[in-house]
Amino acid sequence: MPLILNEALEWLDRAEQAREVAGQLTDPSARKAVLELAESFDRLARAAATPTVLRRRELQTGQHRGIPTPEEQARITELQDLLIERFVEQREAAAEGQEERVKTVEADIDSLLREKEEIEKWAAVGSA
């Protein structure tokens, strides 16, 4: 199977995993954030499936069109994995009544989401 197809399928698998986690969450804002992660994985799958020639042309002409660089993709993947872990951790802490831990994890989630949004913003304008 071509490498591009493998990468796209990996992103689609991550999207499905995120949707499964979202289905288990009871907090509406947490569910929404995880579903947004799934959408990001879907976008990365489409970007991975974009022919390499088109990617090169966009980079050479400066017309980035919102396709993250490999480094940006790697960091976004790392952030999304961390976010999923934090949402699960938040759910477990809430179930155990650990309110202080819930607040700490929520702060981590907010920070990770801000970083992810910043990377996506720069990728969209082609400045990163």
C-alpha atoms as a PDB file:
ATOM      1  CA  MET A   1       0.000   0.000   0.000  1.00  0.00           C
ATOM      2  CA  PRO A   2       1.453   3.420  -0.896  1.00  0.00           C
ATOM      3  CA  LEU A   3       2.883   5.451   1.976  1.00  0.00           C
ATOM      4  CA  ILE A   4       0.460   8.341   1.324  1.00  0.00           C
ATOM      5  CA  LEU A   5      -2.510   5.987   1.652  1.00  0.00           C
ATOM      6  CA  ASN A   6      -1.100   4.496   4.874  1.00  0.00           C
ATOM      7  CA  GLU A   7      -0.725   7.980   6.366  1.00  0.00           C
ATOM      8  CA  ALA A   8      -4.254   8.972   5.366  1.00  0.00           C
ATOM      9  CA  LEU A   9      -5.669   5.746   6.839  1.00  0.00           C
ATOM     10  CA  GLU A  10      -3.769   6.346  10.088  1.00  0.00           C
ATOM     11  CA  TRP A  11      -5.374   9.814  10.411  1.00  0.00           C
ATOM     12  CA  LEU A  12      -8.805   8.333   9.679  1.00  0.00           C
ATOM     13  CA  ASP A  13      -8.246   5.696  12.381  1.00  0.00           C
ATOM     14  CA  ARG A  14      -7.358   8.438  14.855  1.00  0.00           C
ATOM     15  CA  ALA A  15     -10.530  10.318  13.875  1.00  0.00           C
ATOM     16  CA  GLU A  16     -12.613   7.221  14.571  1.00  0.00           C
ATOM     17  CA  GLN A  17     -10.904   6.679  17.933  1.00  0.00           C
ATOM     18  CA  ALA A  18     -11.598  10.288  18.898  1.00  0.00           C
ATOM     19  CA  ARG A  19     -15.261   9.872  17.963  1.00  0.00           C
ATOM     20  CA  GLU A  20     -15.448   6.774  20.155  1.00  0.00           C
ATOM     21  CA  VAL A  21     -14.004   8.714  23.099  1.00  0.00           C
ATOM     22  CA  ALA A  22     -16.435  11.580  22.414  1.00  0.00           C
ATOM     23  CA  GLY A  23     -19.321   9.125  22.530  1.00  0.00           C
ATOM     24  CA  GLN A  24     -18.327   8.174  26.071  1.00  0.00           C
ATOM     25  CA  LEU A  25     -18.085  11.725  27.390  1.00  0.00           C
ATOM     26  CA  THR A  26     -20.997  13.272  29.253  1.00  0.00           C
ATOM     27  CA  ASP A  27     -19.651  16.824  29.457  1.00  0.00           C
ATOM     28  CA  PRO A  28     -20.921  18.703  26.361  1.00  0.00           C
ATOM     29  CA  SER A  29     -17.869  20.958  26.045  1.00  0.00           C
ATOM     30  CA  ALA A  30     -15.480  18.021  26.362  1.00  0.00           C
ATOM     31  CA  ARG A  31     -17.487  16.058  23.791  1.00  0.00           C
ATOM     32  CA  LYS A  32     -17.446  19.039  21.423  1.00  0.00           C
ATOM     33  CA  ALA A  33     -13.671  19.478  21.796  1.00  0.00           C
ATOM     34  CA  VAL A  34     -12.988  15.795  21.103  1.00  0.00           C
ATOM     35  CA  LEU A  35     -15.279  15.874  18.059  1.00  0.00           C
ATOM     36  CA  GLU A  36     -13.315  18.896  16.838  1.00  0.00           C
ATOM     37  CA  LEU A  37     -10.175  16.791  17.229  1.00  0.00           C
ATOM     38  CA  ALA A  38     -11.795  14.113  15.088  1.00  0.00           C
ATOM     39  CA  GLU A  39     -12.507  16.730  12.416  1.00  0.00           C
ATOM     40  CA  SER A  40      -8.868  17.821  12.573  1.00  0.00           C
ATOM     41  CA  PHE A  41      -7.787  14.229  12.042  1.00  0.00           C
ATOM     42  CA  ASP A  42     -10.111  14.061   9.028  1.00  0.00           C
ATOM     43  CA  ARG A  43      -8.503  17.227   7.615  1.00  0.00           C
ATOM     44  CA  LEU A  44      -5.057  15.739   8.146  1.00  0.00           C
ATOM     45  CA  ALA A  45      -6.170  12.583   6.328  1.00  0.00           C
ATOM     46  CA  ARG A  46      -7.269  14.690   3.361  1.00  0.00           C
ATOM     47  CA  ALA A  47      -3.974  16.593   3.480  1.00  0.00           C
ATOM     48  CA  ALA A  48      -2.019  13.331   3.599  1.00  0.00           C
ATOM     49  CA  ALA A  49      -3.928  12.082   0.564  1.00  0.00           C
ATOM     50  CA  THR A  50      -3.121  15.246  -1.386  1.00  0.00           C
ATOM     51  CA  PRO A  51      -0.664  14.368  -4.145  1.00  0.00           C
ATOM     52  CA  THR A  52       2.921  15.236  -3.254  1.00  0.00           C
ATOM     53  CA  VAL A  53       3.327  17.241  -6.476  1.00  0.00           C
ATOM     54  CA  LEU A  54       0.461  19.530  -5.452  1.00  0.00           C
ATOM     55  CA  ARG A  55       1.986  19.976  -1.994  1.00  0.00           C
ATOM     56  CA  ARG A  56       5.360  20.930  -3.497  1.00  0.00           C
ATOM     57  CA  ARG A  57       3.747  23.400  -5.903  1.00  0.00           C
ATOM     58  CA  GLU A  58       1.843  25.067  -3.081  1.00  0.00           C
ATOM     59  CA  LEU A  59       4.976  25.376  -0.971  1.00  0.00           C
ATOM     60  CA  GLN A  60       7.015  26.746  -3.887  1.00  0.00           C
ATOM     61  CA  THR A  61       4.400  29.324  -4.842  1.00  0.00           C
ATOM     62  CA  GLY A  62       3.631  30.262  -1.252  1.00  0.00           C
ATOM     63  CA  GLN A  63      -0.004  29.204  -1.665  1.00  0.00           C
ATOM     64  CA  HIS A  64      -0.215  27.024   1.382  1.00  0.00           C
ATOM     65  CA  ARG A  65      -4.021  26.533   1.400  1.00  0.00           C
ATOM     66  CA  GLY A  66      -4.136  25.349   4.996  1.00  0.00           C
ATOM     67  CA  ILE A  67      -2.143  22.156   4.561  1.00  0.00           C
ATOM     68  CA  PRO A  68       0.121  21.804   7.599  1.00  0.00           C
ATOM     69  CA  THR A  69       3.807  21.040   7.148  1.00  0.00           C
ATOM     70  CA  PRO A  70       4.991  17.601   8.300  1.00  0.00           C
ATOM     71  CA  GLU A  71       6.342  19.218  11.476  1.00  0.00           C
ATOM     72  CA  GLU A  72       3.014  20.949  12.114  1.00  0.00           C
ATOM     73  CA  GLN A  73       1.159  17.699  11.446  1.00  0.00           C
ATOM     74  CA  ALA A  74       3.395  15.864  13.914  1.00  0.00           C
ATOM     75  CA  ARG A  75       2.838  18.452  16.647  1.00  0.00           C
ATOM     76  CA  ILE A  76      -0.912  18.560  15.988  1.00  0.00           C
ATOM     77  CA  THR A  77      -1.000  14.759  16.276  1.00  0.00           C
ATOM     78  CA  GLU A  78       0.917  14.910  19.530  1.00  0.00           C
ATOM     79  CA  LEU A  79      -1.414  17.602  20.885  1.00  0.00           C
ATOM     80  CA  GLN A  80      -4.509  15.691  19.840  1.00  0.00           C
ATOM     81  CA  ASP A  81      -3.248  12.527  21.513  1.00  0.00           C
ATOM     82  CA  LEU A  82      -2.534  14.528  24.678  1.00  0.00           C
ATOM     83  CA  LEU A  83      -5.989  16.099  24.527  1.00  0.00           C
ATOM     84  CA  ILE A  84      -7.718  12.747  24.266  1.00  0.00           C
ATOM     85  CA  GLU A  85      -5.692  11.505  27.257  1.00  0.00           C
ATOM     86  CA  ARG A  86      -6.597  14.633  29.237  1.00  0.00           C
ATOM     87  CA  PHE A  87     -10.313  14.341  28.425  1.00  0.00           C
ATOM     88  CA  VAL A  88     -10.298  10.738  29.625  1.00  0.00           C
ATOM     89  CA  GLU A  89      -8.366  11.812  32.743  1.00  0.00           C
ATOM     90  CA  GLN A  90     -10.873  14.614  33.341  1.00  0.00           C
ATOM     91  CA  ARG A  91     -13.794  12.210  33.046  1.00  0.00           C
ATOM     92  CA  GLU A  92     -12.187   9.782  35.506  1.00  0.00           C
ATOM     93  CA  ALA A  93     -11.382  12.555  38.003  1.00  0.00           C
ATOM     94  CA  ALA A  94     -14.956  13.849  37.801  1.00  0.00           C
ATOM     95  CA  ALA A  95     -16.334  10.340  38.349  1.00  0.00           C
ATOM     96  CA  GLU A  96     -14.139  10.008  41.447  1.00  0.00           C
ATOM     97  CA  GLY A  97     -15.192  13.423  42.741  1.00  0.00           C
ATOM     98  CA  GLN A  98     -11.693  14.895  42.499  1.00  0.00           C
ATOM     99  CA  GLU A  99     -12.755  18.476  41.799  1.00  0.00           C
ATOM    100  CA  GLU A 100      -9.277  19.995  42.168  1.00  0.00           C
ATOM    101  CA  ARG A 101      -7.833  17.450  39.720  1.00  0.00           C
ATOM    102  CA  VAL A 102     -10.671  18.223  37.285  1.00  0.00           C
ATOM    103  CA  LYS A 103      -9.733  21.920  37.379  1.00  0.00           C
ATOM    104  CA  THR A 104      -6.047  21.170  36.836  1.00  0.00           C
ATOM    105  CA  VAL A 105      -6.789  18.910  33.891  1.00  0.00           C
ATOM    106  CA  GLU A 106      -9.198  21.488  32.419  1.00  0.00           C
ATOM    107  CA  ALA A 107      -6.392  24.070  32.542  1.00  0.00           C
ATOM    108  CA  ASP A 108      -4.101  21.605  30.723  1.00  0.00           C
ATOM    109  CA  ILE A 109      -6.818  21.031  28.120  1.00  0.00           C
ATOM    110  CA  ASP A 110      -7.259  24.766  27.566  1.00  0.00           C
ATOM    111  CA  SER A 111      -3.519  25.222  27.100  1.00  0.00           C
ATOM    112  CA  LEU A 112      -3.249  22.326  24.639  1.00  0.00           C
ATOM    113  CA  LEU A 113      -6.253  23.585  22.662  1.00  0.00           C
ATOM    114  CA  ARG A 114      -4.740  27.073  22.433  1.00  0.00           C
ATOM    115  CA  GLU A 115      -1.464  25.687  21.103  1.00  0.00           C
ATOM    116  CA  LYS A 116      -3.285  23.497  18.571  1.00  0.00           C
ATOM    117  CA  GLU A 117      -5.409  26.420  17.375  1.00  0.00           C
ATOM    118  CA  GLU A 118      -2.311  28.594  17.031  1.00  0.00           C
ATOM    119  CA  ILE A 119      -0.544  25.998  14.864  1.00  0.00           C
ATOM    120  CA  GLU A 120      -3.631  25.528  12.707  1.00  0.00           C
ATOM    121  CA  LYS A 121      -4.025  29.296  12.337  1.00  0.00           C
ATOM    122  CA  TRP A 122      -0.440  29.698  11.135  1.00  0.00           C
ATOM    123  CA  ALA A 123      -0.755  26.681   8.840  1.00  0.00           C
ATOM    124  CA  ALA A 124      -3.908  28.166   7.302  1.00  0.00           C
ATOM    125  CA  VAL A 125      -2.172  31.408   6.378  1.00  0.00           C
ATOM    126  CA  GLY A 126       1.028  29.671   5.334  1.00  0.00           C
ATOM    127  CA  SER A 127       3.225  31.568   7.756  1.00  0.00           C
ATOM    128  CA  ALA A 128       4.441  28.725   9.912  1.00  0.00           C
END
